mmCIF file of all heavy atoms, coordinates in Angstrom:
data_MODEL
# 
_entry.id   MODEL 
# 
loop_
_atom_site.group_PDB 
_atom_site.id 
_atom_site.type_symbol 
_atom_site.label_atom_id 
_atom_site.label_alt_id 
_atom_site.label_comp_id 
_atom_site.label_asym_id 
_atom_site.label_entity_id 
_atom_site.label_seq_id 
_atom_site.pdbx_PDB_ins_code 
_atom_site.Cartn_x 
_atom_site.Cartn_y 
_atom_site.Cartn_z 
_atom_site.occupancy 
_atom_site.B_iso_or_equiv 
_atom_site.pdbx_formal_charge 
_atom_site.auth_seq_id 
_atom_site.auth_comp_id 
_atom_site.auth_asym_id 
_atom_site.auth_atom_id 
_atom_site.pdbx_PDB_model_num 
ATOM 1   N N   . LEU A 1 1  ? -55.155 40.635 36.189 1.00 0.00 ? 1  LEU A N   1 
ATOM 2   C CA  . LEU A 1 1  ? -53.753 40.761 36.549 1.00 0.00 ? 1  LEU A CA  1 
ATOM 3   C C   . LEU A 1 1  ? -53.161 42.039 35.971 1.00 0.00 ? 1  LEU A C   1 
ATOM 4   O O   . LEU A 1 1  ? -53.531 42.473 34.874 1.00 0.00 ? 1  LEU A O   1 
ATOM 5   C CB  . LEU A 1 1  ? -52.955 39.564 36.029 1.00 0.00 ? 1  LEU A CB  1 
ATOM 6   C CG  . LEU A 1 1  ? -53.088 38.248 36.800 1.00 0.00 ? 1  LEU A CG  1 
ATOM 7   C CD1 . LEU A 1 1  ? -52.344 37.147 36.059 1.00 0.00 ? 1  LEU A CD1 1 
ATOM 8   C CD2 . LEU A 1 1  ? -52.553 38.384 38.210 1.00 0.00 ? 1  LEU A CD2 1 
ATOM 9   N N   . ARG A 1 2  ? -52.250 42.639 36.714 1.00 0.00 ? 2  ARG A N   1 
ATOM 10  C CA  . ARG A 1 2  ? -51.534 43.805 36.210 1.00 0.00 ? 2  ARG A CA  1 
ATOM 11  C C   . ARG A 1 2  ? -50.557 43.351 35.130 1.00 0.00 ? 2  ARG A C   1 
ATOM 12  O O   . ARG A 1 2  ? -49.949 42.280 35.228 1.00 0.00 ? 2  ARG A O   1 
ATOM 13  C CB  . ARG A 1 2  ? -50.777 44.478 37.365 1.00 0.00 ? 2  ARG A CB  1 
ATOM 14  C CG  . ARG A 1 2  ? -50.034 45.754 36.973 1.00 0.00 ? 2  ARG A CG  1 
ATOM 15  C CD  . ARG A 1 2  ? -49.397 46.391 38.178 1.00 0.00 ? 2  ARG A CD  1 
ATOM 16  N NE  . ARG A 1 2  ? -50.405 46.767 39.166 1.00 0.00 ? 2  ARG A NE  1 
ATOM 17  C CZ  . ARG A 1 2  ? -50.126 47.165 40.399 1.00 0.00 ? 2  ARG A CZ  1 
ATOM 18  N NH1 . ARG A 1 2  ? -48.888 47.219 40.808 1.00 0.00 ? 2  ARG A NH1 1 
ATOM 19  N NH2 . ARG A 1 2  ? -51.092 47.500 41.229 1.00 0.00 ? 2  ARG A NH2 1 
ATOM 20  N N   . ASP A 1 3  ? -50.404 44.142 34.095 1.00 0.00 ? 3  ASP A N   1 
ATOM 21  C CA  . ASP A 1 3  ? -49.498 43.801 32.997 1.00 0.00 ? 3  ASP A CA  1 
ATOM 22  C C   . ASP A 1 3  ? -48.099 43.530 33.530 1.00 0.00 ? 3  ASP A C   1 
ATOM 23  O O   . ASP A 1 3  ? -47.544 44.325 34.306 1.00 0.00 ? 3  ASP A O   1 
ATOM 24  C CB  . ASP A 1 3  ? -49.431 44.946 31.978 1.00 0.00 ? 3  ASP A CB  1 
ATOM 25  C CG  . ASP A 1 3  ? -50.702 45.069 31.143 1.00 0.00 ? 3  ASP A CG  1 
ATOM 26  O OD1 . ASP A 1 3  ? -51.484 44.091 31.141 1.00 0.00 ? 3  ASP A OD1 1 
ATOM 27  O OD2 . ASP A 1 3  ? -50.907 46.116 30.508 1.00 0.00 ? 3  ASP A OD2 1 
ATOM 28  N N   . GLY A 1 4  ? -47.546 42.388 33.122 1.00 0.00 ? 4  GLY A N   1 
ATOM 29  C CA  . GLY A 1 4  ? -46.182 42.056 33.502 1.00 0.00 ? 4  GLY A CA  1 
ATOM 30  C C   . GLY A 1 4  ? -46.035 41.418 34.870 1.00 0.00 ? 4  GLY A C   1 
ATOM 31  O O   . GLY A 1 4  ? -44.917 41.152 35.304 1.00 0.00 ? 4  GLY A O   1 
ATOM 32  N N   . HIS A 1 5  ? -47.161 41.161 35.562 1.00 0.00 ? 5  HIS A N   1 
ATOM 33  C CA  . HIS A 1 5  ? -47.090 40.565 36.894 1.00 0.00 ? 5  HIS A CA  1 
ATOM 34  C C   . HIS A 1 5  ? -47.731 39.179 36.886 1.00 0.00 ? 5  HIS A C   1 
ATOM 35  O O   . HIS A 1 5  ? -48.715 38.943 36.192 1.00 0.00 ? 5  HIS A O   1 
ATOM 36  C CB  . HIS A 1 5  ? -47.796 41.451 37.917 1.00 0.00 ? 5  HIS A CB  1 
ATOM 37  C CG  . HIS A 1 5  ? -47.047 42.708 38.250 1.00 0.00 ? 5  HIS A CG  1 
ATOM 38  N ND1 . HIS A 1 5  ? -46.315 42.853 39.399 1.00 0.00 ? 5  HIS A ND1 1 
ATOM 39  C CD2 . HIS A 1 5  ? -46.907 43.866 37.558 1.00 0.00 ? 5  HIS A CD2 1 
ATOM 40  C CE1 . HIS A 1 5  ? -45.756 44.055 39.417 1.00 0.00 ? 5  HIS A CE1 1 
ATOM 41  N NE2 . HIS A 1 5  ? -46.106 44.690 38.313 1.00 0.00 ? 5  HIS A NE2 1 
ATOM 42  N N   . MET A 1 6  ? -47.181 38.281 37.709 1.00 0.00 ? 6  MET A N   1 
ATOM 43  C CA  . MET A 1 6  ? -47.705 36.927 37.773 1.00 0.00 ? 6  MET A CA  1 
ATOM 44  C C   . MET A 1 6  ? -48.876 36.799 38.742 1.00 0.00 ? 6  MET A C   1 
ATOM 45  O O   . MET A 1 6  ? -49.709 35.914 38.606 1.00 0.00 ? 6  MET A O   1 
ATOM 46  C CB  . MET A 1 6  ? -46.596 35.956 38.194 1.00 0.00 ? 6  MET A CB  1 
ATOM 47  C CG  . MET A 1 6  ? -45.488 35.813 37.171 1.00 0.00 ? 6  MET A CG  1 
ATOM 48  S SD  . MET A 1 6  ? -44.221 34.633 37.706 1.00 0.00 ? 6  MET A SD  1 
ATOM 49  C CE  . MET A 1 6  ? -45.196 33.116 37.754 1.00 0.00 ? 6  MET A CE  1 
ATOM 50  N N   . SER A 1 7  ? -48.939 37.677 39.761 1.00 0.00 ? 7  SER A N   1 
ATOM 51  C CA  . SER A 1 7  ? -50.009 37.551 40.747 1.00 0.00 ? 7  SER A CA  1 
ATOM 52  C C   . SER A 1 7  ? -50.638 38.875 41.145 1.00 0.00 ? 7  SER A C   1 
ATOM 53  O O   . SER A 1 7  ? -51.777 38.898 41.600 1.00 0.00 ? 7  SER A O   1 
ATOM 54  C CB  . SER A 1 7  ? -49.486 36.836 42.002 1.00 0.00 ? 7  SER A CB  1 
ATOM 55  O OG  . SER A 1 7  ? -48.424 37.574 42.593 1.00 0.00 ? 7  SER A OG  1 
ATOM 56  N N   . ALA A 1 8  ? -49.918 39.982 41.003 1.00 0.00 ? 8  ALA A N   1 
ATOM 57  C CA  . ALA A 1 8  ? -50.453 41.278 41.418 1.00 0.00 ? 8  ALA A CA  1 
ATOM 58  C C   . ALA A 1 8  ? -51.642 41.675 40.548 1.00 0.00 ? 8  ALA A C   1 
ATOM 59  O O   . ALA A 1 8  ? -51.620 41.530 39.330 1.00 0.00 ? 8  ALA A O   1 
ATOM 60  C CB  . ALA A 1 8  ? -49.379 42.352 41.342 1.00 0.00 ? 8  ALA A CB  1 
ATOM 61  N N   . VAL A 1 9  ? -52.685 42.187 41.201 1.00 0.00 ? 9  VAL A N   1 
ATOM 62  C CA  . VAL A 1 9  ? -53.927 42.553 40.525 1.00 0.00 ? 9  VAL A CA  1 
ATOM 63  C C   . VAL A 1 9  ? -53.885 44.020 40.110 1.00 0.00 ? 9  VAL A C   1 
ATOM 64  O O   . VAL A 1 9  ? -53.297 44.868 40.788 1.00 0.00 ? 9  VAL A O   1 
ATOM 65  C CB  . VAL A 1 9  ? -55.132 42.282 41.456 1.00 0.00 ? 9  VAL A CB  1 
ATOM 66  C CG1 . VAL A 1 9  ? -56.419 42.850 40.883 1.00 0.00 ? 9  VAL A CG1 1 
ATOM 67  C CG2 . VAL A 1 9  ? -55.268 40.783 41.684 1.00 0.00 ? 9  VAL A CG2 1 
ATOM 68  N N   . ASP A 1 10 ? -54.506 44.307 38.989 1.00 0.00 ? 10 ASP A N   1 
ATOM 69  C CA  . ASP A 1 10 ? -54.628 45.686 38.522 1.00 0.00 ? 10 ASP A CA  1 
ATOM 70  C C   . ASP A 1 10 ? -55.669 46.395 39.390 1.00 0.00 ? 10 ASP A C   1 
ATOM 71  O O   . ASP A 1 10 ? -56.849 46.455 39.064 1.00 0.00 ? 10 ASP A O   1 
ATOM 72  C CB  . ASP A 1 10 ? -55.049 45.702 37.051 1.00 0.00 ? 10 ASP A CB  1 
ATOM 73  C CG  . ASP A 1 10 ? -54.962 47.096 36.455 1.00 0.00 ? 10 ASP A CG  1 
ATOM 74  O OD1 . ASP A 1 10 ? -54.356 47.975 37.085 1.00 0.00 ? 10 ASP A OD1 1 
ATOM 75  O OD2 . ASP A 1 10 ? -55.522 47.295 35.358 1.00 0.00 ? 10 ASP A OD2 1 
ATOM 76  N N   . SER A 1 11 ? -55.206 46.902 40.532 1.00 0.00 ? 11 SER A N   1 
ATOM 77  C CA  . SER A 1 11 ? -56.078 47.550 41.504 1.00 0.00 ? 11 SER A CA  1 
ATOM 78  C C   . SER A 1 11 ? -55.522 48.940 41.828 1.00 0.00 ? 11 SER A C   1 
ATOM 79  O O   . SER A 1 11 ? -54.403 49.273 41.413 1.00 0.00 ? 11 SER A O   1 
ATOM 80  C CB  . SER A 1 11 ? -56.175 46.693 42.778 1.00 0.00 ? 11 SER A CB  1 
ATOM 81  O OG  . SER A 1 11 ? -54.898 46.491 43.346 1.00 0.00 ? 11 SER A OG  1 
ATOM 82  N N   . PRO A 1 12 ? -56.264 49.749 42.568 1.00 0.00 ? 12 PRO A N   1 
ATOM 83  C CA  . PRO A 1 12 ? -55.865 51.154 42.760 1.00 0.00 ? 12 PRO A CA  1 
ATOM 84  C C   . PRO A 1 12 ? -54.724 51.342 43.767 1.00 0.00 ? 12 PRO A C   1 
ATOM 85  O O   . PRO A 1 12 ? -54.867 52.034 44.774 1.00 0.00 ? 12 PRO A O   1 
ATOM 86  C CB  . PRO A 1 12 ? -57.160 51.804 43.256 1.00 0.00 ? 12 PRO A CB  1 
ATOM 87  C CG  . PRO A 1 12 ? -57.889 50.718 43.966 1.00 0.00 ? 12 PRO A CG  1 
ATOM 88  C CD  . PRO A 1 12 ? -57.575 49.463 43.182 1.00 0.00 ? 12 PRO A CD  1 
ATOM 89  N N   . LYS A 1 13 ? -53.575 50.741 43.509 1.00 0.00 ? 13 LYS A N   1 
ATOM 90  C CA  . LYS A 1 13 ? -52.430 50.846 44.417 1.00 0.00 ? 13 LYS A CA  1 
ATOM 91  C C   . LYS A 1 13 ? -52.012 52.308 44.619 1.00 0.00 ? 13 LYS A C   1 
ATOM 92  O O   . LYS A 1 13 ? -51.774 52.746 45.754 1.00 0.00 ? 13 LYS A O   1 
ATOM 93  C CB  . LYS A 1 13 ? -51.264 50.031 43.857 1.00 0.00 ? 13 LYS A CB  1 
ATOM 94  C CG  . LYS A 1 13 ? -49.965 50.169 44.633 1.00 0.00 ? 13 LYS A CG  1 
ATOM 95  C CD  . LYS A 1 13 ? -48.852 49.378 43.961 1.00 0.00 ? 13 LYS A CD  1 
ATOM 96  C CE  . LYS A 1 13 ? -47.519 49.606 44.666 1.00 0.00 ? 13 LYS A CE  1 
ATOM 97  N NZ  . LYS A 1 13 ? -46.415 48.861 43.999 1.00 0.00 ? 13 LYS A NZ  1 
ATOM 98  N N   . GLU A 1 14 ? -51.930 53.048 43.522 1.00 0.00 ? 14 GLU A N   1 
ATOM 99  C CA  . GLU A 1 14 ? -51.467 54.437 43.611 1.00 0.00 ? 14 GLU A CA  1 
ATOM 100 C C   . GLU A 1 14 ? -52.431 55.291 44.425 1.00 0.00 ? 14 GLU A C   1 
ATOM 101 O O   . GLU A 1 14 ? -52.016 56.133 45.229 1.00 0.00 ? 14 GLU A O   1 
ATOM 102 C CB  . GLU A 1 14 ? -51.282 55.027 42.209 1.00 0.00 ? 14 GLU A CB  1 
ATOM 103 C CG  . GLU A 1 14 ? -50.089 54.466 41.438 1.00 0.00 ? 14 GLU A CG  1 
ATOM 104 C CD  . GLU A 1 14 ? -50.296 53.027 40.989 1.00 0.00 ? 14 GLU A CD  1 
ATOM 105 O OE1 . GLU A 1 14 ? -51.475 52.603 40.842 1.00 0.00 ? 14 GLU A OE1 1 
ATOM 106 O OE2 . GLU A 1 14 ? -49.294 52.320 40.791 1.00 0.00 ? 14 GLU A OE2 1 
ATOM 107 N N   . GLU A 1 15 ? -53.731 55.083 44.219 1.00 0.00 ? 15 GLU A N   1 
ATOM 108 C CA  . GLU A 1 15 ? -54.725 55.848 44.982 1.00 0.00 ? 15 GLU A CA  1 
ATOM 109 C C   . GLU A 1 15 ? -54.635 55.512 46.472 1.00 0.00 ? 15 GLU A C   1 
ATOM 110 O O   . GLU A 1 15 ? -54.720 56.401 47.328 1.00 0.00 ? 15 GLU A O   1 
ATOM 111 C CB  . GLU A 1 15 ? -56.134 55.535 44.475 1.00 0.00 ? 15 GLU A CB  1 
ATOM 112 C CG  . GLU A 1 15 ? -57.229 56.268 45.240 1.00 0.00 ? 15 GLU A CG  1 
ATOM 113 C CD  . GLU A 1 15 ? -58.624 55.774 44.878 1.00 0.00 ? 15 GLU A CD  1 
ATOM 114 O OE1 . GLU A 1 15 ? -58.773 55.127 43.825 1.00 0.00 ? 15 GLU A OE1 1 
ATOM 115 O OE2 . GLU A 1 15 ? -59.542 56.012 45.685 1.00 0.00 ? 15 GLU A OE2 1 
ATOM 116 N N   . ILE A 1 16 ? -54.459 54.234 46.787 1.00 0.00 ? 16 ILE A N   1 
ATOM 117 C CA  . ILE A 1 16 ? -54.326 53.820 48.187 1.00 0.00 ? 16 ILE A CA  1 
ATOM 118 C C   . ILE A 1 16 ? -53.116 54.495 48.821 1.00 0.00 ? 16 ILE A C   1 
ATOM 119 O O   . ILE A 1 16 ? -53.188 55.023 49.938 1.00 0.00 ? 16 ILE A O   1 
ATOM 120 C CB  . ILE A 1 16 ? -54.207 52.285 48.288 1.00 0.00 ? 16 ILE A CB  1 
ATOM 121 C CG1 . ILE A 1 16 ? -55.516 51.623 47.849 1.00 0.00 ? 16 ILE A CG1 1 
ATOM 122 C CG2 . ILE A 1 16 ? -53.860 51.862 49.714 1.00 0.00 ? 16 ILE A CG2 1 
ATOM 123 C CD1 . ILE A 1 16 ? -55.415 50.122 47.671 1.00 0.00 ? 16 ILE A CD1 1 
ATOM 124 N N   . LEU A 1 17 ? -52.005 54.489 48.105 1.00 0.00 ? 17 LEU A N   1 
ATOM 125 C CA  . LEU A 1 17 ? -50.791 55.098 48.636 1.00 0.00 ? 17 LEU A CA  1 
ATOM 126 C C   . LEU A 1 17 ? -50.950 56.613 48.776 1.00 0.00 ? 17 LEU A C   1 
ATOM 127 O O   . LEU A 1 17 ? -50.445 57.209 49.738 1.00 0.00 ? 17 LEU A O   1 
ATOM 128 C CB  . LEU A 1 17 ? -49.602 54.771 47.735 1.00 0.00 ? 17 LEU A CB  1 
ATOM 129 C CG  . LEU A 1 17 ? -49.144 53.304 47.759 1.00 0.00 ? 17 LEU A CG  1 
ATOM 130 C CD1 . LEU A 1 17 ? -48.070 53.061 46.709 1.00 0.00 ? 17 LEU A CD1 1 
ATOM 131 C CD2 . LEU A 1 17 ? -48.623 52.924 49.139 1.00 0.00 ? 17 LEU A CD2 1 
ATOM 132 N N   . ASP A 1 18 ? -51.650 57.259 47.833 1.00 0.00 ? 18 ASP A N   1 
ATOM 133 C CA  . ASP A 1 18 ? -51.878 58.704 47.922 1.00 0.00 ? 18 ASP A CA  1 
ATOM 134 C C   . ASP A 1 18 ? -52.659 59.068 49.181 1.00 0.00 ? 18 ASP A C   1 
ATOM 135 O O   . ASP A 1 18 ? -52.372 60.065 49.842 1.00 0.00 ? 18 ASP A O   1 
ATOM 136 C CB  . ASP A 1 18 ? -52.639 59.202 46.689 1.00 0.00 ? 18 ASP A CB  1 
ATOM 137 C CG  . ASP A 1 18 ? -51.763 59.281 45.451 1.00 0.00 ? 18 ASP A CG  1 
ATOM 138 O OD1 . ASP A 1 18 ? -50.522 59.246 45.608 1.00 0.00 ? 18 ASP A OD1 1 
ATOM 139 O OD2 . ASP A 1 18 ? -52.316 59.360 44.336 1.00 0.00 ? 18 ASP A OD2 1 
ATOM 140 N N   . VAL A 1 19 ? -53.657 58.246 49.507 1.00 0.00 ? 19 VAL A N   1 
ATOM 141 C CA  . VAL A 1 19 ? -54.536 58.549 50.641 1.00 0.00 ? 19 VAL A CA  1 
ATOM 142 C C   . VAL A 1 19 ? -53.939 58.070 51.961 1.00 0.00 ? 19 VAL A C   1 
ATOM 143 O O   . VAL A 1 19 ? -54.022 58.762 52.978 1.00 0.00 ? 19 VAL A O   1 
ATOM 144 C CB  . VAL A 1 19 ? -55.927 57.904 50.429 1.00 0.00 ? 19 VAL A CB  1 
ATOM 145 C CG1 . VAL A 1 19 ? -56.803 58.092 51.665 1.00 0.00 ? 19 VAL A CG1 1 
ATOM 146 C CG2 . VAL A 1 19 ? -56.601 58.490 49.197 1.00 0.00 ? 19 VAL A CG2 1 
ATOM 147 N N   . MET A 1 20 ? -53.304 56.892 51.950 1.00 0.00 ? 20 MET A N   1 
ATOM 148 C CA  . MET A 1 20 ? -52.912 56.263 53.205 1.00 0.00 ? 20 MET A CA  1 
ATOM 149 C C   . MET A 1 20 ? -51.402 56.089 53.377 1.00 0.00 ? 20 MET A C   1 
ATOM 150 O O   . MET A 1 20 ? -50.919 55.864 54.488 1.00 0.00 ? 20 MET A O   1 
ATOM 151 C CB  . MET A 1 20 ? -53.591 54.887 53.321 1.00 0.00 ? 20 MET A CB  1 
ATOM 152 C CG  . MET A 1 20 ? -55.099 54.930 53.210 1.00 0.00 ? 20 MET A CG  1 
ATOM 153 S SD  . MET A 1 20 ? -55.881 53.287 53.271 1.00 0.00 ? 20 MET A SD  1 
ATOM 154 C CE  . MET A 1 20 ? -55.604 52.829 54.982 1.00 0.00 ? 20 MET A CE  1 
ATOM 155 N N   . GLY A 1 21 ? -50.660 56.193 52.290 1.00 0.00 ? 21 GLY A N   1 
ATOM 156 C CA  . GLY A 1 21 ? -49.255 55.806 52.317 1.00 0.00 ? 21 GLY A CA  1 
ATOM 157 C C   . GLY A 1 21 ? -48.336 56.706 53.103 1.00 0.00 ? 21 GLY A C   1 
ATOM 158 O O   . GLY A 1 21 ? -47.241 56.288 53.485 1.00 0.00 ? 21 GLY A O   1 
ATOM 159 N N   . ASP A 1 22 ? -48.732 57.952 53.362 1.00 0.00 ? 22 ASP A N   1 
ATOM 160 C CA  . ASP A 1 22 ? -47.849 58.865 54.077 1.00 0.00 ? 22 ASP A CA  1 
ATOM 161 C C   . ASP A 1 22 ? -47.906 58.695 55.589 1.00 0.00 ? 22 ASP A C   1 
ATOM 162 O O   . ASP A 1 22 ? -47.091 59.270 56.308 1.00 0.00 ? 22 ASP A O   1 
ATOM 163 C CB  . ASP A 1 22 ? -48.197 60.328 53.728 1.00 0.00 ? 22 ASP A CB  1 
ATOM 164 C CG  . ASP A 1 22 ? -47.790 60.690 52.308 1.00 0.00 ? 22 ASP A CG  1 
ATOM 165 O OD1 . ASP A 1 22 ? -46.884 59.997 51.770 1.00 0.00 ? 22 ASP A OD1 1 
ATOM 166 O OD2 . ASP A 1 22 ? -48.360 61.627 51.743 1.00 0.00 ? 22 ASP A OD2 1 
ATOM 167 N N   . HIS A 1 23 ? -48.877 57.945 56.071 1.00 0.00 ? 23 HIS A N   1 
ATOM 168 C CA  . HIS A 1 23 ? -48.982 57.746 57.521 1.00 0.00 ? 23 HIS A CA  1 
ATOM 169 C C   . HIS A 1 23 ? -47.829 56.853 57.984 1.00 0.00 ? 23 HIS A C   1 
ATOM 170 O O   . HIS A 1 23 ? -47.523 55.827 57.366 1.00 0.00 ? 23 HIS A O   1 
ATOM 171 C CB  . HIS A 1 23 ? -50.319 57.088 57.882 1.00 0.00 ? 23 HIS A CB  1 
ATOM 172 C CG  . HIS A 1 23 ? -50.697 57.262 59.305 1.00 0.00 ? 23 HIS A CG  1 
ATOM 173 N ND1 . HIS A 1 23 ? -50.066 56.606 60.332 1.00 0.00 ? 23 HIS A ND1 1 
ATOM 174 C CD2 . HIS A 1 23 ? -51.659 58.024 59.894 1.00 0.00 ? 23 HIS A CD2 1 
ATOM 175 C CE1 . HIS A 1 23 ? -50.606 56.944 61.489 1.00 0.00 ? 23 HIS A CE1 1 
ATOM 176 N NE2 . HIS A 1 23 ? -51.579 57.813 61.258 1.00 0.00 ? 23 HIS A NE2 1 
ATOM 177 N N   . ASP A 1 24 ? -47.177 57.228 59.099 1.00 0.00 ? 24 ASP A N   1 
ATOM 178 C CA  . ASP A 1 24 ? -45.980 56.508 59.521 1.00 0.00 ? 24 ASP A CA  1 
ATOM 179 C C   . ASP A 1 24 ? -46.279 55.136 60.124 1.00 0.00 ? 24 ASP A C   1 
ATOM 180 O O   . ASP A 1 24 ? -45.349 54.377 60.426 1.00 0.00 ? 24 ASP A O   1 
ATOM 181 C CB  . ASP A 1 24 ? -45.157 57.342 60.510 1.00 0.00 ? 24 ASP A CB  1 
ATOM 182 C CG  . ASP A 1 24 ? -45.887 57.639 61.810 1.00 0.00 ? 24 ASP A CG  1 
ATOM 183 O OD1 . ASP A 1 24 ? -47.078 57.274 61.929 1.00 0.00 ? 24 ASP A OD1 1 
ATOM 184 O OD2 . ASP A 1 24 ? -45.262 58.230 62.716 1.00 0.00 ? 24 ASP A OD2 1 
# 
């Protein structure tokens, strides 16, 4: 689990957003 979260996993969210997040 990510620190301070009840269900969210400590996974590469930022990397995913860097690669894919700018697509509309």
